[in-house]
Amino acid sequence: MTSTNSLEPAYPCGGSVESSQKKHLRTGLELNLPLETTVRIILTCIYIALEFKAPFVRKIQPEELWLYRNPRSDSYVPLTMLWPVVLGVPGLFFTLHYLRTQDRHDLRSAVLAFTLGLGLNGVITNTIKIAVGRPRPDFFWRCFPDGVMNEDLRCTGTDMRALMDGRKSFPSGHSSFAFVGLGFLTWYLIGKLHLMNERGRGRSVRVILAGLPLFAATMIAISRTCDYHHHWQDVTIGSLIGLVLSYICYRQYYPAFAERNCHLPYLPLQYQESCLGSSPSAIKNQHSPNRGKRLQAGAPPPPSGSPLVTKSNYDGRTIEGNGADDSEGETRSLLSSAIEQKEAKWI
């Protein structure tokens, strides 16, 4: 058995993407890219349009007015700071990883998953804001700038933009965008660093690195209660919306964290079929989490007279040998902890 390490990304169908296979993969992705781009443009346009929609005017009872009498203050994390953090920090990591690996498919998958989460989050968050119409903690001073209220609780303020925005407290947009952006970066780092499988456990530096984006998102969310722009319920639900959407969008393009090659994005079905001979069972087995266990347990060997074959296993090493030795050789390569740790090393 001989093994070689490829400088190119290892994909489920083989050690590396050959030139003809690369062309097939690139063609399949480019055909789908215009549709994916259009979807994200539509989501962005809907989000911007919802920004200017008037929210539901919820009746405020006199006994609950104390909830909305907090002083007005500037945002601790204004939009001019939020967007560079939410967009720039993940984008920096995507770019650095691409410069290291030159893997265009991984970069495309990361950007598509990330932008899908942002678009969905913007539409969902703004739709709920408009439908609920909950006043912000400082709504009293937006409604009555002079501090004098009337019996009917009719607003005397003339700043219509401040009044309309004052009724869009639930859920927190800052919190949802912080968690959908920085939360996605956390999932991305967990996959790249193999924190949840045998290839990367026991590395405290990796745990800290992957957790930093979530910590930053948490501090952004907390700041929205400190500057009296949101209630704690607004922040909690907004954070959950962003975190859930980021994970859902991540899993649309990347496998589960327990998978051995969780750092690699999914490949198009047509490319998998071209590698695996258009066999649905082969494709299913290739992505099965129990594949290594079946190999370890000992699958029925092929006929002893099998010819010499060259086979690329799941993590990209090429194994040469006859059919009877393929299963044993691949099992040894999968269970080789020293080689796995070397391949998994990222920082």
Protein backbone atom coordinates (compact mmCIF):
# COMPACT_ATOMS: atom_id res chain seq x y z
CA MET A 1 0.00 0.00 0.00
CA THR A 2 1.32 3.44 -0.91
CA SER A 3 -0.14 6.71 0.17
CA THR A 4 0.36 10.22 -1.13
CA ASN A 5 -0.90 13.56 0.07
CA SER A 6 -2.43 15.87 -2.50
CA LEU A 7 -2.01 19.61 -2.38
CA GLU A 8 -5.55 20.04 -3.74
CA PRO A 9 -8.68 19.79 -1.55
CA ALA A 10 -9.81 16.22 -0.91
CA TYR A 11 -13.41 15.54 -1.91
CA PRO A 12 -15.64 12.54 -1.25
CA CYS A 13 -15.29 11.23 -4.79
CA GLY A 14 -11.52 11.11 -4.76
CA GLY A 15 -8.22 12.50 -3.62
CA SER A 16 -8.44 15.59 -5.79
CA VAL A 17 -10.54 17.03 -8.56
CA GLU A 18 -8.94 16.07 -11.88
CA SER A 19 -8.97 18.46 -14.81
CA SER A 20 -11.96 16.89 -16.58
CA GLN A 21 -13.83 16.53 -13.30
CA LYS A 22 -13.01 20.13 -12.42
CA LYS A 23 -14.55 21.26 -15.69
CA HIS A 24 -17.68 19.21 -14.99
CA LEU A 25 -17.91 20.58 -11.44
CA ARG A 26 -17.35 24.18 -12.57
CA THR A 27 -20.03 23.86 -15.25
CA GLY A 28 -22.62 22.54 -12.80
CA LEU A 29 -21.93 25.31 -10.30
CA GLU A 30 -21.95 28.10 -12.88
CA LEU A 31 -25.32 26.99 -14.23
CA ASN A 32 -26.82 27.33 -10.76
CA LEU A 33 -25.01 30.54 -9.75
CA PRO A 34 -27.30 33.02 -11.60
CA LEU A 35 -30.39 31.61 -9.87
CA GLU A 36 -28.74 31.69 -6.45
CA THR A 37 -27.59 35.26 -7.05
CA THR A 38 -31.09 36.31 -8.12
CA VAL A 39 -32.61 34.84 -4.97
CA ARG A 40 -30.27 36.87 -2.79
CA ILE A 41 -30.91 40.06 -4.71
CA ILE A 42 -34.67 39.57 -4.29
CA LEU A 43 -34.28 38.98 -0.55
CA THR A 44 -32.19 42.14 -0.24
CA CYS A 45 -34.78 44.22 -2.11
CA ILE A 46 -37.58 42.88 0.11
CA TYR A 47 -35.56 43.68 3.22
CA ILE A 48 -34.93 47.26 2.09
CA ALA A 49 -38.60 47.74 1.17
CA LEU A 50 -39.70 46.50 4.60
CA GLU A 51 -37.42 49.06 6.25
CA PHE A 52 -39.80 51.82 5.10
CA LYS A 53 -43.05 50.06 5.99
CA ALA A 54 -45.08 51.47 8.89
CA PRO A 55 -45.47 49.03 11.78
CA PHE A 56 -48.64 47.96 13.52
CA VAL A 57 -49.77 50.67 15.99
CA ARG A 58 -50.16 48.77 19.23
CA LYS A 59 -52.28 50.39 21.93
CA ILE A 60 -50.32 51.38 25.01
CA GLN A 61 -52.02 51.12 28.39
CA PRO A 62 -51.21 53.79 31.02
CA GLU A 63 -50.10 51.17 33.55
CA GLU A 64 -47.43 49.82 31.19
CA LEU A 65 -46.05 53.19 30.19
CA TRP A 66 -43.16 52.80 32.62
CA LEU A 67 -41.66 50.19 30.26
CA TYR A 68 -41.14 52.85 27.61
CA ARG A 69 -39.90 55.80 29.70
CA ASN A 70 -36.19 55.03 29.55
CA PRO A 71 -33.98 57.91 28.36
CA ARG A 72 -33.03 58.24 24.71
CA SER A 73 -29.36 57.63 23.95
CA ASP A 74 -27.09 56.93 21.02
CA SER A 75 -26.43 53.33 20.03
CA TYR A 76 -23.32 51.81 21.60
CA VAL A 77 -22.96 49.77 18.39
CA PRO A 78 -24.24 51.97 15.54
CA LEU A 79 -24.90 50.63 12.05
CA THR A 80 -21.59 52.10 10.89
CA MET A 81 -19.90 49.67 13.27
CA LEU A 82 -22.32 46.75 12.98
CA TRP A 83 -22.09 46.19 9.22
CA PRO A 84 -18.27 46.17 9.02
CA VAL A 85 -18.19 43.60 11.83
CA VAL A 86 -21.00 41.39 10.49
CA LEU A 87 -19.82 41.49 6.87
CA GLY A 88 -16.11 42.25 7.11
CA VAL A 89 -14.93 39.79 9.76
CA PRO A 90 -16.45 36.65 8.16
CA GLY A 91 -15.38 37.90 4.72
CA LEU A 92 -11.81 38.25 5.97
CA PHE A 93 -11.77 34.64 7.18
CA PHE A 94 -13.26 33.39 3.90
CA THR A 95 -10.58 35.25 1.97
CA LEU A 96 -7.70 34.06 4.14
CA HIS A 97 -8.84 30.46 3.83
CA TYR A 98 -9.13 30.80 0.06
CA LEU A 99 -5.63 32.28 -0.20
CA ARG A 100 -4.36 29.30 1.77
CA THR A 101 -6.19 26.55 -0.12
CA GLN A 102 -7.04 28.12 -3.51
CA ASP A 103 -10.33 26.19 -3.26
CA ARG A 104 -12.84 28.18 -5.32
CA HIS A 105 -15.67 25.76 -4.61
CA ASP A 106 -15.28 26.19 -0.86
CA LEU A 107 -15.17 29.99 -1.21
CA ARG A 108 -18.29 29.98 -3.39
CA SER A 109 -20.15 27.71 -0.96
CA ALA A 110 -19.21 29.85 2.04
CA VAL A 111 -20.30 33.08 0.36
CA LEU A 112 -23.59 31.59 -0.88
CA ALA A 113 -24.44 30.14 2.54
CA PHE A 114 -23.45 33.35 4.33
CA THR A 115 -25.42 35.68 2.05
CA LEU A 116 -28.47 33.42 2.13
CA GLY A 117 -28.52 33.67 5.92
CA LEU A 118 -28.23 37.46 5.82
CA GLY A 119 -31.05 37.80 3.29
CA LEU A 120 -33.44 35.47 5.09
CA ASN A 121 -32.66 37.10 8.43
CA GLY A 122 -33.38 40.59 7.11
CA VAL A 123 -36.75 39.62 5.65
CA ILE A 124 -37.89 37.56 8.66
CA THR A 125 -36.75 40.10 11.26
CA ASN A 126 -38.35 43.09 9.54
CA THR A 127 -41.59 41.21 8.86
CA ILE A 128 -41.95 40.36 12.55
CA LYS A 129 -41.08 43.93 13.56
CA ILE A 130 -43.86 45.32 11.37
CA ALA A 131 -46.41 42.72 12.45
CA VAL A 132 -45.77 43.07 16.21
CA GLY A 133 -45.21 46.83 16.52
CA ARG A 134 -43.79 46.71 20.03
CA PRO A 135 -42.60 50.12 21.34
CA ARG A 136 -38.96 50.53 22.24
CA PRO A 137 -37.87 51.24 25.84
CA ASP A 138 -37.39 54.94 24.96
CA PHE A 139 -40.67 55.31 23.05
CA PHE A 140 -42.17 57.74 25.58
CA TRP A 141 -39.60 60.42 24.71
CA ARG A 142 -40.06 59.80 21.01
CA CYS A 143 -43.80 60.21 21.43
CA PHE A 144 -43.68 63.11 23.92
CA PRO A 145 -40.38 64.99 23.41
CA ASP A 146 -41.38 67.64 25.93
CA GLY A 147 -42.26 65.04 28.56
CA VAL A 148 -45.91 66.10 28.71
CA MET A 149 -48.43 63.43 27.73
CA ASN A 150 -52.13 63.77 27.11
CA GLU A 151 -55.01 61.63 28.32
CA ASP A 152 -55.48 59.92 24.95
CA LEU A 153 -51.76 59.10 24.76
CA ARG A 154 -51.58 60.64 21.28
CA CYS A 155 -48.01 61.36 20.29
CA THR A 156 -47.06 65.03 20.01
CA GLY A 157 -43.64 64.36 18.46
CA THR A 158 -43.15 65.50 14.87
CA ASP A 159 -40.23 63.25 13.91
CA MET A 160 -42.22 60.60 12.04
CA ARG A 161 -39.15 58.48 11.30
CA ALA A 162 -38.28 58.30 15.01
CA LEU A 163 -41.90 57.46 15.86
CA MET A 164 -42.10 54.72 13.25
CA ASP A 165 -38.76 53.25 14.28
CA GLY A 166 -39.84 53.50 17.92
CA ARG A 167 -42.50 50.87 17.25
CA LYS A 168 -40.06 48.32 15.82
CA SER A 169 -38.53 46.95 18.96
CA PHE A 170 -39.35 43.23 18.60
CA PRO A 171 -37.18 41.44 17.62
CA SER A 172 -33.80 43.15 17.75
CA GLY A 173 -32.32 43.58 14.28
CA HIS A 174 -28.82 44.26 15.63
CA SER A 175 -28.94 41.00 17.58
CA SER A 176 -30.28 38.89 14.71
CA PHE A 177 -27.75 40.23 12.20
CA ALA A 178 -24.89 39.87 14.68
CA PHE A 179 -25.75 36.23 15.31
CA VAL A 180 -26.51 35.31 11.71
CA GLY A 181 -23.18 36.76 10.56
CA LEU A 182 -20.82 35.99 13.43
CA GLY A 183 -22.75 32.82 14.26
CA PHE A 184 -22.12 31.57 10.74
CA LEU A 185 -18.44 32.32 11.20
CA THR A 186 -18.47 30.15 14.33
CA TRP A 187 -19.99 27.19 12.43
CA TYR A 188 -17.49 27.78 9.64
CA LEU A 189 -14.54 27.67 12.04
CA ILE A 190 -15.89 24.62 13.89
CA GLY A 191 -16.01 22.76 10.60
CA LYS A 192 -12.60 23.92 9.39
CA LEU A 193 -10.96 23.16 12.76
CA HIS A 194 -12.73 19.79 13.25
CA LEU A 195 -13.81 20.64 16.80
CA MET A 196 -16.62 18.06 16.87
CA ASN A 197 -14.87 14.99 15.48
CA GLU A 198 -11.81 12.88 16.22
CA ARG A 199 -9.51 14.96 14.01
CA GLY A 200 -9.51 18.11 16.13
CA ARG A 201 -10.63 17.43 19.67
CA GLY A 202 -8.55 18.51 22.64
CA ARG A 203 -7.27 21.78 21.16
CA SER A 204 -8.14 24.65 23.51
CA VAL A 205 -6.83 27.30 21.12
CA ARG A 206 -9.25 26.12 18.46
CA VAL A 207 -12.17 26.20 20.90
CA ILE A 208 -11.37 29.80 21.84
CA LEU A 209 -10.93 30.87 18.22
CA ALA A 210 -14.25 29.35 17.15
CA GLY A 211 -16.07 30.81 20.16
CA LEU A 212 -14.85 34.40 19.76
CA PRO A 213 -17.40 35.34 17.05
CA LEU A 214 -20.30 34.16 19.23
CA PHE A 215 -18.92 36.10 22.18
CA ALA A 216 -18.73 39.25 20.04
CA ALA A 217 -22.30 38.70 18.84
CA THR A 218 -23.46 38.29 22.44
CA MET A 219 -21.86 41.58 23.47
CA ILE A 220 -23.50 43.38 20.54
CA ALA A 221 -26.87 41.98 21.60
CA ILE A 222 -26.37 43.00 25.24
CA SER A 223 -25.43 46.52 24.20
CA ARG A 224 -28.94 46.96 22.77
CA THR A 225 -30.40 46.72 26.27
CA CYS A 226 -27.75 49.00 27.75
CA ASP A 227 -28.55 51.86 25.37
CA TYR A 228 -32.30 51.34 25.97
CA HIS A 229 -33.05 50.53 22.33
CA HIS A 230 -34.50 47.07 23.03
CA HIS A 231 -36.11 45.01 25.76
CA TRP A 232 -34.40 41.82 26.86
CA GLN A 233 -37.06 39.74 25.12
CA ASP A 234 -36.32 41.51 21.83
CA VAL A 235 -32.64 40.71 22.14
CA THR A 236 -33.21 37.07 23.11
CA ILE A 237 -35.55 36.26 20.24
CA GLY A 238 -33.48 38.22 17.73
CA SER A 239 -30.36 36.32 18.74
CA LEU A 240 -32.13 32.97 18.40
CA ILE A 241 -33.47 33.88 14.96
CA GLY A 242 -30.00 34.78 13.71
CA LEU A 243 -28.30 31.76 15.27
CA VAL A 244 -30.83 29.24 13.91
CA LEU A 245 -30.79 30.74 10.41
CA SER A 246 -26.99 30.75 10.32
CA TYR A 247 -26.87 27.05 11.18
CA ILE A 248 -29.59 26.10 8.70
CA CYS A 249 -27.86 27.97 5.88
CA TYR A 250 -24.47 26.53 6.83
CA ARG A 251 -25.81 22.97 6.67
CA GLN A 252 -27.23 23.62 3.20
CA TYR A 253 -23.65 23.71 1.90
CA TYR A 254 -21.55 21.85 4.48
CA PRO A 255 -21.90 18.43 6.17
CA ALA A 256 -22.44 17.77 9.86
CA PHE A 257 -19.59 18.51 12.28
CA ALA A 258 -19.27 14.82 13.20
CA GLU A 259 -18.32 13.95 9.61
CA ARG A 260 -14.63 13.32 9.08
CA ASN A 261 -14.47 15.75 6.15
CA CYS A 262 -16.79 18.35 7.67
CA HIS A 263 -14.43 21.07 6.45
CA LEU A 264 -15.33 20.40 2.82
CA PRO A 265 -18.53 21.68 1.19
CA TYR A 266 -21.03 19.40 -0.46
CA LEU A 267 -20.48 18.65 -4.13
CA PRO A 268 -23.23 18.83 -6.76
CA LEU A 269 -25.10 15.56 -7.23
CA GLN A 270 -24.12 15.31 -10.90
CA TYR A 271 -20.44 15.42 -9.96
CA GLN A 272 -20.87 12.71 -7.32
CA GLU A 273 -22.63 10.50 -9.85
CA SER A 274 -19.84 10.98 -12.36
CA CYS A 275 -17.30 9.87 -9.73
CA LEU A 276 -19.32 7.00 -8.26
CA GLY A 277 -20.80 5.59 -11.42
CA SER A 278 -24.32 7.05 -11.05
CA SER A 279 -25.08 4.63 -8.21
CA PRO A 280 -27.47 6.09 -5.59
CA SER A 281 -26.36 3.47 -3.05
CA ALA A 282 -22.73 4.36 -3.60
CA ILE A 283 -23.46 8.05 -3.09
CA LYS A 284 -25.39 7.30 0.08
CA ASN A 285 -22.60 5.10 1.44
CA GLN A 286 -20.00 7.73 0.57
CA HIS A 287 -21.70 10.26 2.89
CA SER A 288 -22.77 7.77 5.54
CA PRO A 289 -21.37 8.58 9.02
CA ASN A 290 -21.15 4.81 9.75
CA ARG A 291 -18.93 4.14 6.75
CA GLY A 292 -15.78 4.03 8.85
CA LYS A 293 -17.45 1.77 11.43
CA ARG A 294 -18.46 -0.68 8.71
CA LEU A 295 -14.90 -0.75 7.42
CA GLN A 296 -13.56 -1.27 10.94
CA ALA A 297 -16.04 -4.06 11.64
CA GLY A 298 -14.95 -5.81 8.45
CA ALA A 299 -17.02 -5.72 5.31
CA PRO A 300 -17.20 -8.85 3.10
CA PRO A 301 -14.02 -8.82 0.97
CA PRO A 302 -14.28 -8.86 -2.82
CA PRO A 303 -13.21 -11.93 -4.79
CA SER A 304 -9.59 -12.89 -4.28
CA GLY A 305 -8.91 -12.68 -7.97
CA SER A 306 -9.70 -8.98 -8.21
CA PRO A 307 -7.27 -7.07 -10.45
CA LEU A 308 -4.94 -4.37 -9.26
CA VAL A 309 -6.88 -1.14 -8.74
CA THR A 310 -6.11 2.42 -7.73
CA LYS A 311 -8.58 3.89 -5.27
CA SER A 312 -8.89 7.28 -3.59
CA ASN A 313 -10.32 7.11 -0.10
CA TYR A 314 -12.53 9.64 1.65
CA ASP A 315 -9.78 11.88 2.98
CA GLY A 316 -7.88 12.19 -0.26
CA ARG A 317 -5.02 9.66 0.05
CA THR A 318 -4.45 7.35 -2.91
CA ILE A 319 -4.26 3.64 -2.13
CA GLU A 320 -2.97 1.12 -4.60
CA GLY A 321 -3.54 -2.58 -4.19
CA ASN A 322 -5.82 -5.42 -5.15
CA GLY A 323 -9.49 -5.52 -4.28
CA ALA A 324 -8.98 -7.81 -1.30
CA ASP A 325 -6.64 -5.30 0.36
CA ASP A 326 -8.64 -2.12 -0.34
CA SER A 327 -10.93 -2.36 2.68
CA GLU A 328 -8.10 -3.18 5.08
CA GLY A 329 -5.87 -0.48 3.66
CA GLU A 330 -8.56 2.18 3.83
CA THR A 331 -9.41 1.16 7.40
CA ARG A 332 -5.80 1.59 8.47
CA SER A 333 -5.64 5.00 6.82
CA LEU A 334 -8.86 6.14 8.50
CA LEU A 335 -7.68 4.96 11.92
CA SER A 336 -4.20 6.47 11.65
CA SER A 337 -4.43 9.19 14.29
CA ALA A 338 -1.02 10.66 13.60
CA ILE A 339 -1.78 11.29 9.93
CA GLU A 340 -5.25 12.57 10.73
CA GLN A 341 -3.93 15.12 13.18
CA LYS A 342 -1.38 16.29 10.62
CA GLU A 343 -4.09 16.75 7.96
CA ALA A 344 -6.47 18.42 10.38
CA LYS A 345 -3.92 20.98 11.57
CA TRP A 346 -5.15 24.45 10.63
CA ILE A 347 -3.52 26.78 13.12
